[in-house]
């Protein structure tokens, strides 16, 4: 028959083993949730920055370097969570009428004269996380800007 102190020692030992198994898993799940939350906050910040960039491009009427405009907006905002080095403008297309943007059809001559050019650019942002469960979060956005005639 086991003595009471031996049974108490075995119970403490099993509690330690259970904690050693469950605690790392619990911590891993908690930190993965924190990383996912951080990623969603950065995604919202990226959307806000791209909206500001679209406004700046529309006002300036520039068909120039969108990468520089976006990086300047990020760098001039001290509260930005976004790393400007991770933002990449991957594709830029220009259209002369909404129909050409929608389905690739040709614009008529009157549409070309009456409607200002439209630009579409795509942006990617790759966020490396510390969680092996999440890996790298890849954010892709497509922005459409219609230039206004002055």
N, C-alpha and C. Protein backbone atom coordinates (compact mmCIF):
# COMPACT_ATOMS: atom_id res chain seq x y z
N UNK A 1 0.83 -1.17 0.00
CA UNK A 1 0.00 0.00 0.00
C UNK A 1 0.89 1.25 0.00
N UNK A 2 0.48 2.23 -0.81
CA UNK A 2 1.25 3.46 -0.91
C UNK A 2 0.96 4.39 0.25
N UNK A 3 1.99 5.05 0.64
CA UNK A 3 1.77 6.04 1.69
C UNK A 3 1.16 7.30 1.08
N UNK A 4 0.59 8.08 1.94
CA UNK A 4 -0.08 9.30 1.48
C UNK A 4 0.88 10.26 0.82
N UNK A 5 2.08 10.41 1.32
CA UNK A 5 3.06 11.34 0.74
C UNK A 5 3.48 10.87 -0.65
N UNK A 6 3.54 9.58 -0.89
CA UNK A 6 3.90 9.06 -2.21
C UNK A 6 2.80 9.37 -3.22
N UNK A 7 1.54 9.20 -2.80
CA UNK A 7 0.43 9.51 -3.70
C UNK A 7 0.42 11.00 -4.03
N UNK A 8 0.65 11.86 -3.07
CA UNK A 8 0.68 13.30 -3.27
C UNK A 8 1.81 13.68 -4.23
N UNK A 9 2.97 13.04 -4.09
CA UNK A 9 4.10 13.30 -4.96
C UNK A 9 3.77 12.89 -6.40
N UNK A 10 3.10 11.75 -6.58
CA UNK A 10 2.72 11.30 -7.92
C UNK A 10 1.69 12.24 -8.55
N UNK A 11 0.77 12.76 -7.75
CA UNK A 11 -0.22 13.69 -8.27
C UNK A 11 0.46 14.98 -8.72
N UNK A 12 1.42 15.47 -7.94
CA UNK A 12 2.16 16.67 -8.33
C UNK A 12 2.96 16.41 -9.60
N UNK A 13 3.54 15.25 -9.70
CA UNK A 13 4.32 14.90 -10.88
C UNK A 13 3.47 14.83 -12.13
N UNK A 14 2.27 14.27 -12.02
CA UNK A 14 1.40 14.20 -13.19
C UNK A 14 0.90 15.60 -13.58
N UNK A 15 0.70 16.45 -12.60
CA UNK A 15 0.29 17.83 -12.89
C UNK A 15 1.40 18.55 -13.63
N UNK A 16 2.63 18.32 -13.24
CA UNK A 16 3.77 18.95 -13.91
C UNK A 16 3.89 18.47 -15.36
N UNK A 17 3.70 17.18 -15.57
CA UNK A 17 3.78 16.62 -16.93
C UNK A 17 2.65 17.19 -17.79
N UNK A 18 1.45 17.24 -17.27
CA UNK A 18 0.33 17.81 -18.03
C UNK A 18 0.58 19.27 -18.36
N UNK A 19 1.09 20.04 -17.41
CA UNK A 19 1.39 21.45 -17.67
C UNK A 19 2.49 21.59 -18.71
N UNK A 20 3.49 20.72 -18.66
CA UNK A 20 4.58 20.77 -19.64
C UNK A 20 4.09 20.46 -21.05
N UNK A 21 3.06 19.69 -21.17
CA UNK A 21 2.51 19.36 -22.49
C UNK A 21 1.55 20.44 -22.98
N UNK A 22 0.68 20.91 -22.11
CA UNK A 22 -0.39 21.82 -22.52
C UNK A 22 0.07 23.27 -22.60
N UNK A 23 0.93 23.71 -21.69
CA UNK A 23 1.32 25.12 -21.63
C UNK A 23 1.99 25.62 -22.92
N UNK A 24 2.97 24.92 -23.50
CA UNK A 24 3.55 25.42 -24.76
C UNK A 24 2.52 25.52 -25.89
N UNK A 25 1.62 24.57 -25.95
CA UNK A 25 0.57 24.61 -26.97
C UNK A 25 -0.34 25.82 -26.76
N UNK A 26 -0.70 26.07 -25.53
CA UNK A 26 -1.54 27.22 -25.20
C UNK A 26 -0.84 28.53 -25.55
N UNK A 27 0.44 28.65 -25.18
CA UNK A 27 1.21 29.87 -25.49
C UNK A 27 1.34 30.05 -27.00
N UNK A 28 1.57 28.97 -27.72
CA UNK A 28 1.67 29.03 -29.18
C UNK A 28 0.37 29.56 -29.80
N UNK A 29 -0.76 29.07 -29.33
CA UNK A 29 -2.05 29.50 -29.85
C UNK A 29 -2.30 30.97 -29.52
N UNK A 30 -1.97 31.39 -28.31
CA UNK A 30 -2.17 32.79 -27.91
C UNK A 30 -1.32 33.72 -28.76
N UNK A 31 -0.04 33.40 -28.93
CA UNK A 31 0.83 34.27 -29.73
C UNK A 31 0.45 34.25 -31.21
N UNK A 32 -0.05 33.15 -31.72
CA UNK A 32 -0.53 33.13 -33.10
C UNK A 32 -1.75 34.03 -33.26
N UNK A 33 -2.62 34.04 -32.26
CA UNK A 33 -3.77 34.95 -32.29
C UNK A 33 -3.35 36.41 -32.24
N UNK A 34 -2.34 36.71 -31.44
CA UNK A 34 -1.82 38.09 -31.38
C UNK A 34 -1.23 38.48 -32.72
N UNK A 35 -0.46 37.58 -33.34
CA UNK A 35 0.13 37.86 -34.66
C UNK A 35 -0.95 38.06 -35.73
N UNK A 36 -1.99 37.25 -35.69
CA UNK A 36 -3.08 37.40 -36.64
C UNK A 36 -3.78 38.74 -36.45
N UNK A 37 -3.98 39.14 -35.22
CA UNK A 37 -4.59 40.44 -34.93
C UNK A 37 -3.70 41.58 -35.44
N UNK A 38 -2.40 41.45 -35.24
CA UNK A 38 -1.46 42.46 -35.74
C UNK A 38 -1.52 42.53 -37.27
N UNK A 39 -1.62 41.38 -37.91
CA UNK A 39 -1.73 41.35 -39.36
C UNK A 39 -2.99 42.04 -39.86
N UNK A 40 -4.11 41.82 -39.19
CA UNK A 40 -5.35 42.48 -39.61
C UNK A 40 -5.30 43.99 -39.38
N UNK A 41 -4.61 44.42 -38.32
CA UNK A 41 -4.43 45.85 -38.07
C UNK A 41 -3.56 46.47 -39.16
N UNK A 42 -2.52 45.77 -39.56
CA UNK A 42 -1.66 46.26 -40.64
C UNK A 42 -2.42 46.28 -41.95
N UNK A 43 -3.28 45.30 -42.19
CA UNK A 43 -4.10 45.28 -43.40
C UNK A 43 -5.03 46.49 -43.46
N UNK A 44 -5.65 46.83 -42.33
CA UNK A 44 -6.51 48.01 -42.28
C UNK A 44 -5.71 49.28 -42.51
N UNK A 45 -4.52 49.35 -41.95
CA UNK A 45 -3.65 50.51 -42.14
C UNK A 45 -3.20 50.62 -43.60
N UNK A 46 -2.93 49.47 -44.23
CA UNK A 46 -2.56 49.47 -45.65
C UNK A 46 -3.71 49.97 -46.51
N UNK A 47 -4.93 49.53 -46.23
CA UNK A 47 -6.09 50.00 -46.98
C UNK A 47 -6.26 51.51 -46.85
N UNK A 48 -6.06 52.04 -45.64
CA UNK A 48 -6.16 53.48 -45.42
C UNK A 48 -5.08 54.22 -46.20
N UNK A 49 -3.87 53.70 -46.18
CA UNK A 49 -2.77 54.33 -46.92
C UNK A 49 -3.03 54.31 -48.42
N UNK A 50 -3.58 53.22 -48.94
CA UNK A 50 -3.87 53.16 -50.37
C UNK A 50 -5.00 54.11 -50.76
N UNK A 51 -5.97 54.31 -49.86
CA UNK A 51 -7.02 55.29 -50.13
C UNK A 51 -6.43 56.70 -50.18
N UNK A 52 -5.52 57.00 -49.26
CA UNK A 52 -4.84 58.31 -49.27
C UNK A 52 -4.00 58.47 -50.54
N UNK A 53 -3.33 57.40 -50.95
CA UNK A 53 -2.51 57.46 -52.17
C UNK A 53 -3.39 57.71 -53.39
N UNK A 54 -4.55 57.06 -53.45
CA UNK A 54 -5.46 57.27 -54.58
C UNK A 54 -5.92 58.72 -54.63
N UNK A 55 -6.23 59.30 -53.45
CA UNK A 55 -6.62 60.72 -53.43
C UNK A 55 -5.47 61.62 -53.88
N UNK A 56 -4.26 61.33 -53.41
CA UNK A 56 -3.10 62.15 -53.79
C UNK A 56 -2.83 62.05 -55.29
N UNK A 57 -2.96 60.86 -55.84
CA UNK A 57 -2.73 60.66 -57.28
C UNK A 57 -3.80 61.38 -58.08
N UNK A 58 -5.04 61.30 -57.62
CA UNK A 58 -6.15 61.94 -58.33
C UNK A 58 -6.00 63.46 -58.33
N UNK A 59 -5.62 64.01 -57.19
CA UNK A 59 -5.46 65.47 -57.08
C UNK A 59 -4.27 65.94 -57.90
N UNK A 60 -3.16 65.22 -57.83
CA UNK A 60 -1.96 65.62 -58.56
C UNK A 60 -2.12 65.40 -60.06
N UNK A 61 -2.97 64.46 -60.44
CA UNK A 61 -3.16 64.17 -61.86
C UNK A 61 -1.93 63.54 -62.47
N UNK A 62 -1.14 62.89 -61.66
CA UNK A 62 0.12 62.32 -62.11
C UNK A 62 -0.08 60.87 -62.54
N UNK A 63 0.53 60.51 -63.65
CA UNK A 63 0.56 59.12 -64.06
C UNK A 63 1.96 58.57 -63.84
N UNK A 64 2.63 59.14 -62.87
CA UNK A 64 4.03 58.80 -62.62
C UNK A 64 4.24 57.59 -61.76
N UNK A 65 5.21 57.68 -60.88
CA UNK A 65 5.67 56.57 -60.08
C UNK A 65 4.80 56.39 -58.84
N UNK A 66 3.88 55.42 -58.88
CA UNK A 66 2.98 55.17 -57.75
C UNK A 66 3.74 54.63 -56.55
N UNK A 67 4.79 53.87 -56.79
CA UNK A 67 5.59 53.32 -55.71
C UNK A 67 6.13 54.45 -54.82
N UNK A 68 6.66 55.49 -55.43
CA UNK A 68 7.23 56.61 -54.68
C UNK A 68 6.15 57.36 -53.91
N UNK A 69 4.99 57.55 -54.53
CA UNK A 69 3.90 58.26 -53.86
C UNK A 69 3.45 57.50 -52.61
N UNK A 70 3.30 56.20 -52.72
CA UNK A 70 2.87 55.38 -51.57
C UNK A 70 3.94 55.38 -50.49
N UNK A 71 5.20 55.23 -50.87
CA UNK A 71 6.28 55.24 -49.88
C UNK A 71 6.37 56.58 -49.16
N UNK A 72 6.19 57.68 -49.90
CA UNK A 72 6.22 59.01 -49.27
C UNK A 72 5.09 59.17 -48.26
N UNK A 73 3.90 58.68 -48.61
CA UNK A 73 2.78 58.76 -47.67
C UNK A 73 3.06 57.96 -46.40
N UNK A 74 3.64 56.79 -46.54
CA UNK A 74 3.96 55.96 -45.36
C UNK A 74 5.04 56.62 -44.52
N UNK A 75 6.08 57.11 -45.17
CA UNK A 75 7.21 57.70 -44.43
C UNK A 75 6.84 59.03 -43.77
N UNK A 76 5.88 59.77 -44.33
CA UNK A 76 5.46 61.04 -43.75
C UNK A 76 4.44 60.88 -42.63
N UNK A 77 4.00 59.65 -42.40
CA UNK A 77 3.05 59.37 -41.33
C UNK A 77 3.79 58.69 -40.18
N UNK A 78 4.10 59.41 -39.10
CA UNK A 78 4.89 58.81 -38.02
C UNK A 78 4.14 57.70 -37.28
N UNK A 79 2.83 57.65 -37.36
CA UNK A 79 2.07 56.63 -36.67
C UNK A 79 1.78 55.40 -37.50
N UNK A 80 2.35 55.34 -38.71
CA UNK A 80 2.07 54.22 -39.60
C UNK A 80 2.69 52.93 -39.09
N UNK A 81 1.94 51.85 -39.20
CA UNK A 81 2.43 50.52 -38.80
C UNK A 81 3.08 49.79 -39.97
N UNK A 82 3.04 50.40 -41.13
CA UNK A 82 3.48 49.74 -42.36
C UNK A 82 4.96 50.03 -42.62
N UNK A 83 5.69 49.01 -43.03
CA UNK A 83 7.07 49.18 -43.45
C UNK A 83 7.07 49.51 -44.93
N UNK A 84 7.53 50.72 -45.28
CA UNK A 84 7.45 51.16 -46.67
C UNK A 84 8.30 50.29 -47.60
N UNK A 85 9.29 49.61 -47.07
CA UNK A 85 10.12 48.74 -47.90
C UNK A 85 9.43 47.46 -48.32
N UNK A 86 8.33 47.10 -47.66
CA UNK A 86 7.61 45.88 -48.00
C UNK A 86 6.46 46.10 -48.98
N UNK A 87 6.14 47.36 -49.26
CA UNK A 87 5.05 47.68 -50.20
C UNK A 87 5.61 47.66 -51.61
N UNK A 88 4.99 46.88 -52.47
CA UNK A 88 5.44 46.77 -53.87
C UNK A 88 4.27 47.00 -54.81
N UNK A 89 4.42 47.97 -55.73
CA UNK A 89 3.45 48.16 -56.79
C UNK A 89 3.84 47.19 -57.90
N UNK A 90 2.97 46.21 -58.15
CA UNK A 90 3.35 45.12 -59.05
C UNK A 90 2.84 45.29 -60.47
N UNK A 91 1.74 45.99 -60.67
CA UNK A 91 1.16 46.06 -62.01
C UNK A 91 0.43 47.38 -62.15
N UNK A 92 0.63 48.05 -63.27
CA UNK A 92 -0.05 49.31 -63.54
C UNK A 92 -0.64 49.26 -64.95
N UNK A 93 -1.94 49.54 -65.05
CA UNK A 93 -2.61 49.58 -66.35
C UNK A 93 -3.36 50.91 -66.47
N UNK A 94 -3.48 51.40 -67.70
CA UNK A 94 -4.22 52.64 -67.96
C UNK A 94 -5.35 52.34 -68.94
N UNK A 95 -6.50 52.96 -68.68
CA UNK A 95 -7.69 52.74 -69.50
C UNK A 95 -8.28 54.10 -69.87
N UNK A 96 -8.97 54.15 -71.02
CA UNK A 96 -9.53 55.42 -71.48
C UNK A 96 -11.03 55.53 -71.29
N UNK A 97 -11.68 54.44 -70.92
CA UNK A 97 -13.11 54.49 -70.65
C UNK A 97 -13.47 53.34 -69.70
N UNK A 98 -14.58 53.46 -68.99
CA UNK A 98 -14.97 52.40 -68.06
C UNK A 98 -15.19 51.04 -68.74
N UNK A 99 -15.68 51.05 -69.98
CA UNK A 99 -15.91 49.78 -70.67
C UNK A 99 -14.60 49.04 -70.91
N UNK A 100 -13.56 49.77 -71.23
CA UNK A 100 -12.25 49.16 -71.44
C UNK A 100 -11.73 48.55 -70.14
N UNK A 101 -11.97 49.22 -69.02
CA UNK A 101 -11.57 48.70 -67.72
C UNK A 101 -12.38 47.45 -67.36
N UNK A 102 -13.67 47.47 -67.64
CA UNK A 102 -14.56 46.38 -67.24
C UNK A 102 -14.33 45.10 -68.04
N UNK A 103 -14.32 45.22 -69.36
CA UNK A 103 -14.24 43.99 -70.16
C UNK A 103 -13.19 44.03 -71.27
N UNK A 104 -12.38 45.06 -71.32
CA UNK A 104 -11.32 45.12 -72.31
C UNK A 104 -11.75 45.57 -73.69
N UNK A 105 -13.01 46.02 -73.84
CA UNK A 105 -13.48 46.46 -75.16
C UNK A 105 -12.86 47.81 -75.52
N UNK A 106 -12.92 48.13 -76.78
CA UNK A 106 -12.35 49.39 -77.27
C UNK A 106 -13.28 50.56 -76.96
N UNK A 107 -12.69 51.72 -76.77
CA UNK A 107 -13.46 52.93 -76.50
C UNK A 107 -13.79 53.64 -77.82
N UNK A 108 -14.96 54.26 -77.87
CA UNK A 108 -15.30 55.06 -79.04
C UNK A 108 -14.57 56.40 -78.94
N UNK A 109 -14.54 57.14 -80.02
CA UNK A 109 -13.83 58.42 -80.04
C UNK A 109 -14.45 59.41 -79.05
N UNK A 110 -15.78 59.41 -78.93
CA UNK A 110 -16.42 60.35 -77.99
C UNK A 110 -16.09 59.97 -76.55
N UNK A 111 -15.99 58.68 -76.26
CA UNK A 111 -15.62 58.28 -74.91
C UNK A 111 -14.19 58.70 -74.59
N UNK A 112 -13.32 58.62 -75.56
CA UNK A 112 -11.94 59.02 -75.33
C UNK A 112 -11.83 60.50 -75.01
N UNK A 113 -12.67 61.33 -75.62
CA UNK A 113 -12.58 62.77 -75.39
C UNK A 113 -13.30 63.19 -74.12
N UNK A 114 -14.38 62.52 -73.77
CA UNK A 114 -15.21 62.96 -72.66
C UNK A 114 -14.77 62.45 -71.30
N UNK A 115 -14.06 61.36 -71.26
CA UNK A 115 -13.74 60.75 -69.98
C UNK A 115 -12.23 60.78 -69.77
N UNK A 116 -11.85 61.24 -68.60
CA UNK A 116 -10.43 61.30 -68.25
C UNK A 116 -9.87 59.89 -68.12
N UNK A 117 -8.58 59.72 -68.29
CA UNK A 117 -7.97 58.38 -68.17
C UNK A 117 -8.18 57.77 -66.78
N UNK A 118 -8.18 56.45 -66.76
CA UNK A 118 -8.36 55.68 -65.53
C UNK A 118 -7.10 54.83 -65.35
N UNK A 119 -6.60 54.77 -64.13
CA UNK A 119 -5.42 53.95 -63.84
C UNK A 119 -5.80 52.89 -62.82
N UNK A 120 -5.24 51.70 -63.01
CA UNK A 120 -5.41 50.63 -62.03
C UNK A 120 -4.02 50.13 -61.68
N UNK A 121 -3.72 50.13 -60.39
CA UNK A 121 -2.43 49.57 -59.98
C UNK A 121 -2.66 48.58 -58.84
N UNK A 122 -1.81 47.57 -58.82
CA UNK A 122 -1.92 46.52 -57.82
C UNK A 122 -0.75 46.61 -56.86
N UNK A 123 -1.05 46.38 -55.59
CA UNK A 123 -0.06 46.51 -54.54
C UNK A 123 0.00 45.21 -53.75
N UNK A 124 1.21 44.76 -53.43
CA UNK A 124 1.39 43.59 -52.57
C UNK A 124 2.17 44.02 -51.33
N UNK A 125 1.88 43.32 -50.23
CA UNK A 125 2.57 43.56 -48.97
C UNK A 125 2.72 42.21 -48.28
N UNK A 126 3.96 41.80 -48.02
CA UNK A 126 4.23 40.52 -47.38
C UNK A 126 4.72 40.77 -45.96
N UNK A 127 3.95 40.27 -44.99
CA UNK A 127 4.27 40.45 -43.58
C UNK A 127 4.76 39.14 -43.00
N UNK A 128 6.01 39.11 -42.55
CA UNK A 128 6.55 37.92 -41.91
C UNK A 128 6.13 37.90 -40.45
N UNK A 129 5.59 36.79 -40.01
CA UNK A 129 5.16 36.65 -38.61
C UNK A 129 6.13 35.73 -37.87
N UNK A 130 6.05 35.78 -36.55
CA UNK A 130 6.90 34.90 -35.75
C UNK A 130 6.27 33.53 -35.57
N UNK A 131 5.03 33.41 -35.97
CA UNK A 131 4.31 32.15 -35.79
C UNK A 131 4.51 31.24 -36.99
N UNK A 132 5.01 30.01 -36.78
CA UNK A 132 5.13 29.09 -37.90
C UNK A 132 3.76 28.65 -38.44
N UNK A 133 2.75 28.79 -37.64
CA UNK A 133 1.40 28.44 -38.07
C UNK A 133 0.92 29.41 -39.15
N UNK A 134 1.23 30.69 -38.98
CA UNK A 134 0.79 31.72 -39.94
C UNK A 134 1.79 31.91 -41.07
N UNK A 135 3.07 31.78 -40.80
CA UNK A 135 4.10 31.98 -41.83
C UNK A 135 4.14 33.43 -42.28
N UNK A 136 4.04 33.66 -43.57
CA UNK A 136 4.03 35.00 -44.13
C UNK A 136 2.61 35.33 -44.57
N UNK A 137 2.11 36.46 -44.08
CA UNK A 137 0.79 36.93 -44.49
C UNK A 137 0.96 37.78 -45.74
N UNK A 138 0.29 37.41 -46.82
CA UNK A 138 0.40 38.12 -48.08
C UNK A 138 -0.88 38.92 -48.33
N UNK A 139 -0.72 40.23 -48.44
CA UNK A 139 -1.85 41.12 -48.70
C UNK A 139 -1.74 41.65 -50.13
N UNK A 140 -2.82 41.55 -50.89
CA UNK A 140 -2.87 42.07 -52.26
C UNK A 140 -4.05 43.02 -52.37
N UNK A 141 -3.81 44.17 -52.99
CA UNK A 141 -4.89 45.15 -53.19
C UNK A 141 -4.81 45.69 -54.61
N UNK A 142 -5.97 46.00 -55.14
CA UNK A 142 -6.05 46.63 -56.45
C UNK A 142 -6.73 47.98 -56.26
N UNK A 143 -6.11 49.03 -56.78
CA UNK A 143 -6.60 50.40 -56.61
C UNK A 143 -6.92 50.97 -57.97
N UNK A 144 -8.09 51.57 -58.10
CA UNK A 144 -8.50 52.22 -59.34
C UNK A 144 -8.62 53.71 -59.09
N UNK A 145 -7.97 54.50 -59.96
CA UNK A 145 -7.99 55.96 -59.83
C UNK A 145 -8.49 56.54 -61.15
N UNK A 146 -9.49 57.39 -61.06
CA UNK A 146 -9.99 58.10 -62.25
C UNK A 146 -9.49 59.52 -62.15
N UNK A 147 -8.67 59.90 -63.12
CA UNK A 147 -8.14 61.26 -63.13
C UNK A 147 -9.23 62.24 -63.53
N UNK A 148 -9.24 63.36 -62.86
CA UNK A 148 -10.23 64.40 -63.15
C UNK A 148 -9.66 65.39 -64.14
N UNK A 149 -10.51 65.83 -65.06
CA UNK A 149 -10.09 66.89 -65.98
C UNK A 149 -10.13 68.22 -65.26
N UNK A 150 -9.16 69.04 -65.56
CA UNK A 150 -9.12 70.36 -64.93
C UNK A 150 -9.59 71.41 -65.90
